[in-house]
């Protein structure tokens, strides 16, 4: 599991939540609250993608040759 992906996604979601819930600045042509929602959505998608990729990682299995001796 990649902790940098999880941490980055959580940070993106936290900044997006701050922009959406705590900032009340109004600018013409740019809505900071919409940017916050977009950041939270992208962070959630990144978190899910990181978790899915971490659980479906490939594992290498090495089998050694076995000798079978049959006594007659």
Protein backbone atom coordinates (compact mmCIF):
# COMPACT_ATOMS: atom_id res chain seq x y z
CA UNK A 1 0.00 0.00 0.00
CA UNK A 2 1.37 3.39 -0.90
CA UNK A 3 1.26 5.73 2.07
CA UNK A 4 2.23 8.73 -0.06
CA UNK A 5 -0.87 8.20 -2.19
CA UNK A 6 -3.09 7.92 0.87
CA UNK A 7 -1.53 10.97 2.52
CA UNK A 8 -1.74 13.05 -0.63
CA UNK A 9 -5.37 12.12 -1.16
CA UNK A 10 -6.26 12.94 2.44
CA UNK A 11 -4.43 16.27 2.21
CA UNK A 12 -6.27 17.13 -1.01
CA UNK A 13 -9.58 16.29 0.64
CA UNK A 14 -8.72 18.36 3.72
CA UNK A 15 -7.75 21.44 1.69
CA UNK A 16 -10.89 21.03 -0.41
CA UNK A 17 -13.04 20.82 2.73
CA UNK A 18 -11.44 23.98 4.10
CA UNK A 19 -12.06 25.82 0.85
CA UNK A 20 -15.67 24.64 0.71
CA UNK A 21 -16.76 24.99 4.34
CA UNK A 22 -14.53 27.69 5.85
CA UNK A 23 -13.66 30.22 3.15
CA UNK A 24 -16.26 32.88 2.37
CA UNK A 25 -14.44 34.93 -0.25
CA UNK A 26 -16.44 35.97 -3.30
CA UNK A 27 -14.54 36.58 -6.50
CA UNK A 28 -15.97 37.43 -9.90
CA UNK A 29 -15.65 34.57 -12.37
CA UNK A 30 -14.20 32.06 -9.90
CA UNK A 31 -16.04 30.23 -7.15
CA UNK A 32 -13.67 29.02 -4.44
CA UNK A 33 -16.35 26.72 -3.01
CA UNK A 34 -16.64 24.87 -6.32
CA UNK A 35 -12.88 24.44 -6.37
CA UNK A 36 -13.14 22.95 -2.87
CA UNK A 37 -15.75 20.43 -3.98
CA UNK A 38 -13.63 19.46 -6.98
CA UNK A 39 -10.59 18.96 -4.75
CA UNK A 40 -12.56 16.77 -2.34
CA UNK A 41 -13.89 14.63 -5.21
CA UNK A 42 -10.43 14.23 -6.76
CA UNK A 43 -8.98 13.36 -3.34
CA UNK A 44 -11.65 10.72 -2.76
CA UNK A 45 -11.05 9.19 -6.20
CA UNK A 46 -7.30 9.16 -5.51
CA UNK A 47 -7.84 7.51 -2.13
CA UNK A 48 -10.04 4.77 -3.60
CA UNK A 49 -7.60 4.21 -6.47
CA UNK A 50 -4.66 3.96 -4.06
CA UNK A 51 -6.47 1.46 -1.84
CA UNK A 52 -7.62 -0.66 -4.78
CA UNK A 53 -4.17 -0.72 -6.33
CA UNK A 54 -2.63 -1.60 -2.97
CA UNK A 55 -4.89 -4.59 -2.42
CA UNK A 56 -4.51 -5.96 -5.94
CA UNK A 57 -0.74 -5.87 -6.10
CA UNK A 58 0.94 -8.79 -7.78
CA UNK A 59 2.69 -11.33 -5.63
CA UNK A 60 5.47 -13.48 -7.03
CA UNK A 61 5.33 -17.13 -6.10
CA UNK A 62 8.47 -19.21 -6.52
CA UNK A 63 8.14 -22.96 -6.46
CA UNK A 64 11.18 -25.19 -6.13
CA UNK A 65 11.45 -28.40 -8.09
CA UNK A 66 10.40 -31.42 -6.10
CA UNK A 67 11.84 -34.87 -6.51
CA UNK A 68 9.47 -37.75 -5.89
CA UNK A 69 11.05 -41.10 -4.99
CA UNK A 70 8.84 -44.16 -5.19
CA UNK A 71 10.06 -47.31 -3.40
CA UNK A 72 9.01 -50.54 -5.12
